C-alpha atoms as a PDB file:
ATOM      1  CA  MET A   1      -0.110   0.058   0.092  1.00  0.00           C
ATOM      2  CA  ARG A   2       1.265   3.434  -0.846  1.00  0.00           C
ATOM      3  CA  PRO A   3       0.766   6.684   0.959  1.00  0.00           C
ATOM      4  CA  GLY A   4      -2.562   8.160   0.213  1.00  0.00           C
ATOM      5  CA  GLU A   5      -4.086   4.974  -0.951  1.00  0.00           C
ATOM      6  CA  LEU A   6      -7.534   4.012   0.800  1.00  0.00           C
ATOM      7  CA  ILE A   7      -7.764   0.893   2.571  1.00  0.00           C
ATOM      8  CA  ALA A   8     -10.388  -1.409   1.373  1.00  0.00           C
ATOM      9  CA  SER A   9     -13.123  -0.665   3.738  1.00  0.00           C
ATOM     10  CA  ASP A  10     -12.562   3.053   2.791  1.00  0.00           C
ATOM     11  CA  ARG A  11     -13.435   2.562  -0.810  1.00  0.00           C
ATOM     12  CA  GLY A  12     -16.970   3.951  -1.656  1.00  0.00           C
ATOM     13  CA  ALA A  13     -17.407   5.745   1.678  1.00  0.00           C
ATOM     14  CA  ARG A  14     -19.316   8.963   1.458  1.00  0.00           C
ATOM     15  CA  ALA A  15     -21.539  11.144   3.726  1.00  0.00           C
ATOM     16  CA  SER A  16     -24.904   9.875   4.295  1.00  0.00           C
ATOM     17  CA  ARG A  17     -27.883  11.407   2.389  1.00  0.00           C
ATOM     18  CA  PRO A  18     -31.283  12.151   4.159  1.00  0.00           C
ATOM     19  CA  ASP A  19     -33.031   9.224   2.526  1.00  0.00           C
ATOM     20  CA  ASP A  20     -30.396   6.497   2.903  1.00  0.00           C
ATOM     21  CA  LEU A  21     -31.666   4.796   5.759  1.00  0.00           C
ATOM     22  CA  SER A  22     -35.342   4.860   4.414  1.00  0.00           C
ATOM     23  CA  GLN A  23     -33.836   3.402   1.013  1.00  0.00           C
ATOM     24  CA  ALA A  24     -31.999   0.771   2.727  1.00  0.00           C
ATOM     25  CA  TRP A  25     -35.014  -0.243   4.666  1.00  0.00           C
ATOM     26  CA  THR A  26     -36.709  -0.584   1.356  1.00  0.00           C
ATOM     27  CA  VAL A  27     -34.234  -2.628  -0.178  1.00  0.00           C
ATOM     28  CA  LEU A  28     -33.962  -4.985   2.917  1.00  0.00           C
ATOM     29  CA  GLU A  29     -37.853  -5.415   2.828  1.00  0.00           C
ATOM     30  CA  GLN A  30     -37.136  -7.485  -0.428  1.00  0.00           C
ATOM     31  CA  VAL A  31     -34.432  -9.608   0.914  1.00  0.00           C
ATOM     32  CA  MET A  32     -36.294 -12.863   1.476  1.00  0.00           C
ATOM     33  CA  ASP A  33     -35.379 -15.719   4.098  1.00  0.00           C
ATOM     34  CA  PRO A  34     -33.716 -18.565   2.176  1.00  0.00           C
ATOM     35  CA  GLU A  35     -35.689 -21.098   4.173  1.00  0.00           C
ATOM     36  CA  VAL A  36     -38.958 -19.525   4.175  1.00  0.00           C
ATOM     37  CA  PRO A  37     -38.809 -17.352   0.844  1.00  0.00           C
ATOM     38  CA  VAL A  38     -42.061 -15.534   1.259  1.00  0.00           C
ATOM     39  CA  VAL A  39     -40.987 -13.573   4.389  1.00  0.00           C
ATOM     40  CA  SER A  40     -38.385 -10.736   4.334  1.00  0.00           C
ATOM     41  CA  VAL A  41     -35.665 -10.296   6.859  1.00  0.00           C
ATOM     42  CA  VAL A  42     -37.237  -7.268   7.997  1.00  0.00           C
ATOM     43  CA  GLU A  43     -40.666  -9.106   8.525  1.00  0.00           C
ATOM     44  CA  LEU A  44     -38.915 -11.755  10.518  1.00  0.00           C
ATOM     45  CA  GLY A  45     -37.154  -9.026  12.687  1.00  0.00           C
ATOM     46  CA  ILE A  46     -33.559 -10.278  11.679  1.00  0.00           C
ATOM     47  CA  VAL A  47     -32.509  -6.765  10.711  1.00  0.00           C
ATOM     48  CA  ARG A  48     -32.349  -4.940  14.038  1.00  0.00           C
ATOM     49  CA  ASP A  49     -30.941  -1.614  13.318  1.00  0.00           C
ATOM     50  CA  LEU A  50     -29.408   0.389  10.339  1.00  0.00           C
ATOM     51  CA  ASP A  51     -27.179   3.446  10.739  1.00  0.00           C
ATOM     52  CA  TRP A  52     -24.400   5.283   8.966  1.00  0.00           C
ATOM     53  CA  ALA A  53     -20.996   5.218  10.364  1.00  0.00           C
ATOM     54  CA  ASP A  54     -17.286   5.946   8.902  1.00  0.00           C
ATOM     55  CA  GLY A  55     -19.032   6.728   5.504  1.00  0.00           C
ATOM     56  CA  HIS A  56     -20.736   3.345   5.194  1.00  0.00           C
ATOM     57  CA  LEU A  57     -24.300   2.052   5.869  1.00  0.00           C
ATOM     58  CA  ARG A  58     -24.094  -0.190   9.043  1.00  0.00           C
ATOM     59  CA  VAL A  59     -26.679  -3.205   9.508  1.00  0.00           C
ATOM     60  CA  THR A  60     -27.167  -4.671  12.829  1.00  0.00           C
ATOM     61  CA  VAL A  61     -28.602  -8.340  12.355  1.00  0.00           C
ATOM     62  CA  THR A  62     -29.585 -11.011  14.942  1.00  0.00           C
ATOM     63  CA  PRO A  63     -29.900 -14.562  13.763  1.00  0.00           C
ATOM     64  CA  THR A  64     -32.855 -16.558  14.357  1.00  0.00           C
ATOM     65  CA  TYR A  65     -30.741 -18.833  16.425  1.00  0.00           C
ATOM     66  CA  SER A  66     -27.174 -19.127  16.915  1.00  0.00           C
ATOM     67  CA  GLY A  67     -27.048 -22.565  14.786  1.00  0.00           C
ATOM     68  CA  CYS A  68     -29.154 -21.311  12.041  1.00  0.00           C
ATOM     69  CA  PRO A  69     -27.465 -22.682   8.917  1.00  0.00           C
ATOM     70  CA  ALA A  70     -29.100 -20.041   6.683  1.00  0.00           C
ATOM     71  CA  THR A  71     -27.360 -17.113   8.826  1.00  0.00           C
ATOM     72  CA  GLU A  72     -24.368 -16.723   6.500  1.00  0.00           C
ATOM     73  CA  VAL A  73     -26.478 -16.765   3.442  1.00  0.00           C
ATOM     74  CA  ILE A  74     -28.835 -14.250   4.807  1.00  0.00           C
ATOM     75  CA  GLU A  75     -25.976 -11.846   5.625  1.00  0.00           C
ATOM     76  CA  GLN A  76     -24.443 -12.322   2.010  1.00  0.00           C
ATOM     77  CA  ASP A  77     -27.933 -11.539   0.633  1.00  0.00           C
ATOM     78  CA  ILE A  78     -28.247  -8.411   2.862  1.00  0.00           C
ATOM     79  CA  CYS A  79     -24.792  -7.193   1.554  1.00  0.00           C
ATOM     80  CA  SER A  80     -25.442  -8.207  -2.093  1.00  0.00           C
ATOM     81  CA  ALA A  81     -28.928  -6.226  -2.111  1.00  0.00           C
ATOM     82  CA  LEU A  82     -27.471  -3.222  -0.437  1.00  0.00           C
ATOM     83  CA  GLU A  83     -24.295  -3.132  -2.799  1.00  0.00           C
ATOM     84  CA  GLN A  84     -26.648  -3.432  -5.848  1.00  0.00           C
ATOM     85  CA  ALA A  85     -28.665  -0.635  -4.567  1.00  0.00           C
ATOM     86  CA  GLY A  86     -25.608   1.736  -4.372  1.00  0.00           C
ATOM     87  CA  PHE A  87     -24.414   1.288  -0.840  1.00  0.00           C
ATOM     88  CA  ALA A  88     -20.860   0.513  -1.266  1.00  0.00           C
ATOM     89  CA  ALA A  89     -19.214  -1.774   1.391  1.00  0.00           C
ATOM     90  CA  PRO A  90     -21.935  -2.148   3.839  1.00  0.00           C
ATOM     91  CA  ALA A  91     -20.772  -3.038   7.244  1.00  0.00           C
ATOM     92  CA  LEU A  92     -22.585  -5.910   8.941  1.00  0.00           C
ATOM     93  CA  ASN A  93     -22.778  -6.334  12.744  1.00  0.00           C
ATOM     94  CA  ARG A  94     -24.000  -9.710  14.077  1.00  0.00           C
ATOM     95  CA  GLN A  95     -25.614  -9.148  17.558  1.00  0.00           C
ATOM     96  CA  LEU A  96     -26.570 -12.128  19.525  1.00  0.00           C
ATOM     97  CA  SER A  97     -27.812 -10.278  22.469  1.00  0.00           C
ATOM     98  CA  PRO A  98     -30.674  -9.969  23.167  1.00  0.00           C
ATOM     99  CA  ALA A  99     -31.394 -13.253  21.433  1.00  0.00           C
ATOM    100  CA  TRP A 100     -34.065 -13.038  18.561  1.00  0.00           C
ATOM    101  CA  THR A 101     -37.438 -14.351  19.533  1.00  0.00           C
ATOM    102  CA  THR A 102     -40.455 -14.994  17.322  1.00  0.00           C
ATOM    103  CA  ASP A 103     -42.209 -12.222  19.006  1.00  0.00           C
ATOM    104  CA  TRP A 104     -40.161 -10.011  16.460  1.00  0.00           C
ATOM    105  CA  ILE A 105     -42.044 -11.323  13.505  1.00  0.00           C
ATOM    106  CA  SER A 106     -44.226  -8.510  12.107  1.00  0.00           C
ATOM    107  CA  ALA A 107     -47.969  -8.889  11.540  1.00  0.00           C
ATOM    108  CA  SER A 108     -47.425  -8.843   7.656  1.00  0.00           C
ATOM    109  CA  GLY A 109     -44.658 -11.548   8.230  1.00  0.00           C
ATOM    110  CA  ARG A 110     -47.190 -13.658  10.286  1.00  0.00           C
ATOM    111  CA  GLU A 111     -49.774 -13.143   7.626  1.00  0.00           C
ATOM    112  CA  ARG A 112     -47.208 -14.145   4.702  1.00  0.00           C
ATOM    113  CA  LEU A 113     -46.425 -17.391   6.712  1.00  0.00           C
ATOM    114  CA  ARG A 114     -50.132 -18.318   7.065  1.00  0.00           C
ATOM    115  CA  ALA A 115     -50.866 -17.667   3.507  1.00  0.00           C
ATOM    116  CA  TYR A 116     -47.831 -19.770   2.480  1.00  0.00           C
ATOM    117  CA  GLY A 117     -49.069 -22.711   4.616  1.00  0.00           C
ATOM    118  CA  ILE A 118     -46.889 -22.343   7.693  1.00  0.00           C
ATOM    119  CA  ALA A 119     -48.643 -21.433  10.864  1.00  0.00           C
ATOM    120  CA  ALA A 120     -47.277 -18.529  12.485  1.00  0.00           C
ATOM    121  CA  PRO A 121     -45.849 -18.735  16.213  1.00  0.00           C
ATOM    122  CA  ALA A 122     -48.862 -18.686  18.628  1.00  0.00           C
ATOM    123  CA  GLY A 123     -48.548 -17.255  22.045  1.00  0.00           C
ATOM    124  CA  SER A 124     -45.340 -15.653  23.232  1.00  0.00           C
ATOM    125  CA  SER A 125     -41.673 -16.779  23.821  1.00  0.00           C
ATOM    126  CA  ASN A 126     -41.959 -15.673  27.282  1.00  0.00           C
ATOM    127  CA  LYS A 127     -40.838 -18.471  29.602  1.00  0.00           C
ATOM    128  CA  ARG A 128     -44.028 -18.207  31.672  1.00  0.00           C
ATOM    129  CA  SER A 129     -45.712 -19.513  28.811  1.00  0.00           C
ATOM    130  CA  LEU A 130     -44.302 -22.866  29.569  1.00  0.00           C
ATOM    131  CA  LEU A 131     -46.275 -23.048  32.841  1.00  0.00           C
ATOM    132  CA  GLY A 132     -49.753 -22.598  31.187  1.00  0.00           C
ATOM    133  CA  GLU A 133     -52.069 -24.474  28.877  1.00  0.00           C
ATOM    134  CA  PRO A 134     -50.763 -25.297  25.407  1.00  0.00           C
ATOM    135  CA  ASP A 135     -51.116 -22.712  22.744  1.00  0.00           C
ATOM    136  CA  VAL A 136     -53.892 -23.074  20.257  1.00  0.00           C
ATOM    137  CA  ILE A 137     -52.251 -23.729  16.663  1.00  0.00           C
ATOM    138  CA  ALA A 138     -54.716 -22.956  13.910  1.00  0.00           C
ATOM    139  CA  CYS A 139     -54.482 -24.659  10.593  1.00  0.00           C
ATOM    140  CA  PRO A 140     -53.192 -22.315   7.853  1.00  0.00           C
ATOM    141  CA  GLN A 141     -55.311 -24.055   5.294  1.00  0.00           C
ATOM    142  CA  CYS A 142     -58.873 -23.991   6.864  1.00  0.00           C
ATOM    143  CA  GLY A 143     -58.453 -22.094  10.157  1.00  0.00           C
ATOM    144  CA  SER A 144     -59.440 -25.048  12.183  1.00  0.00           C
ATOM    145  CA  THR A 145     -57.839 -25.014  15.765  1.00  0.00           C
ATOM    146  CA  HIS A 146     -58.541 -28.978  16.069  1.00  0.00           C
ATOM    147  CA  THR A 147     -54.797 -29.804  15.055  1.00  0.00           C
ATOM    148  CA  GLU A 148     -52.375 -32.076  16.353  1.00  0.00           C
ATOM    149  CA  VAL A 149     -48.450 -32.429  16.703  1.00  0.00           C
ATOM    150  CA  LEU A 150     -47.117 -35.067  14.373  1.00  0.00           C
ATOM    151  CA  SER A 151     -43.451 -34.216  15.229  1.00  0.00           C
ATOM    152  CA  GLU A 152     -41.496 -31.553  17.184  1.00  0.00           C
ATOM    153  CA  PHE A 153     -39.111 -31.518  14.085  1.00  0.00           C
ATOM    154  CA  GLY A 154     -40.544 -30.009  10.709  1.00  0.00           C
ATOM    155  CA  SER A 155     -38.755 -29.117   7.350  1.00  0.00           C
ATOM    156  CA  THR A 156     -36.233 -26.869   9.327  1.00  0.00           C
ATOM    157  CA  ALA A 157     -35.225 -26.627  12.856  1.00  0.00           C
ATOM    158  CA  CYS A 158     -37.451 -23.845  13.572  1.00  0.00           C
ATOM    159  CA  LYS A 159     -40.463 -25.457  12.815  1.00  0.00           C
ATOM    160  CA  ALA A 160     -42.646 -28.531  14.069  1.00  0.00           C
ATOM    161  CA  LEU A 161     -45.022 -30.602  11.914  1.00  0.00           C
ATOM    162  CA  TYR A 162     -48.682 -30.571  12.731  1.00  0.00           C
ATOM    163  CA  ARG A 163     -51.780 -32.004  11.057  1.00  0.00           C
ATOM    164  CA  CYS A 164     -55.300 -30.447  10.945  1.00  0.00           C
ATOM    165  CA  CYS A 165     -57.926 -33.045  12.481  1.00  0.00           C
ATOM    166  CA  ASP A 166     -60.717 -31.459  10.111  1.00  0.00           C
ATOM    167  CA  CYS A 167     -59.162 -30.904   6.644  1.00  0.00           C
ATOM    168  CA  ARG A 168     -56.420 -33.563   7.401  1.00  0.00           C
ATOM    169  CA  GLU A 169     -53.627 -31.479   5.914  1.00  0.00           C
ATOM    170  CA  PRO A 170     -50.304 -31.639   7.245  1.00  0.00           C
ATOM    171  CA  PHE A 171     -48.472 -28.195   7.773  1.00  0.00           C
ATOM    172  CA  ASP A 172     -45.398 -26.797   9.485  1.00  0.00           C
ATOM    173  CA  TYR A 173     -45.683 -24.656  12.496  1.00  0.00           C
ATOM    174  CA  PHE A 174     -43.102 -21.923  13.163  1.00  0.00           C
ATOM    175  CA  LYS A 175     -42.182 -22.650  16.726  1.00  0.00           C
ATOM    176  CA  CYS A 176     -41.903 -20.137  19.364  1.00  0.00           C
ATOM    177  CA  ILE A 177     -38.463 -19.201  20.252  1.00  0.00           C
END
């Protein structure tokens, strides 16, 4: 490196513009979760914060859980989408505390899950819910609450497999975490 050259992280650095953060949120609303491709990373609540630091957009992300196999893909998708939208070298910060919970899924995200055939998390991730009655899981196909657990393990680690006792259709349930 010669004197006066920029280090790699400084390439493309610039002052923030008034609409940068809202534009970045708009871009991220189009980045879909690779395991549930109808819900964006914003709707899932994975993107915690956006700010501008040292001439670059900084994105704070909390994975759904520490062992999620899609975490690195999601982070790459976030950076690629932002770079394609003109944000040079966005900085990604993985924040593990506080841990992500299904309470962070937006109302629109819950509706998209249901329309896709996945029952959205019922109840709360609050530990007190462990002491009460089991949550009522509605079938995303017909709306019946007469459902049963087939397996605590569904198509991904964050889902369980249920069946509707009325329409007899199996469906994934996005577990409360």
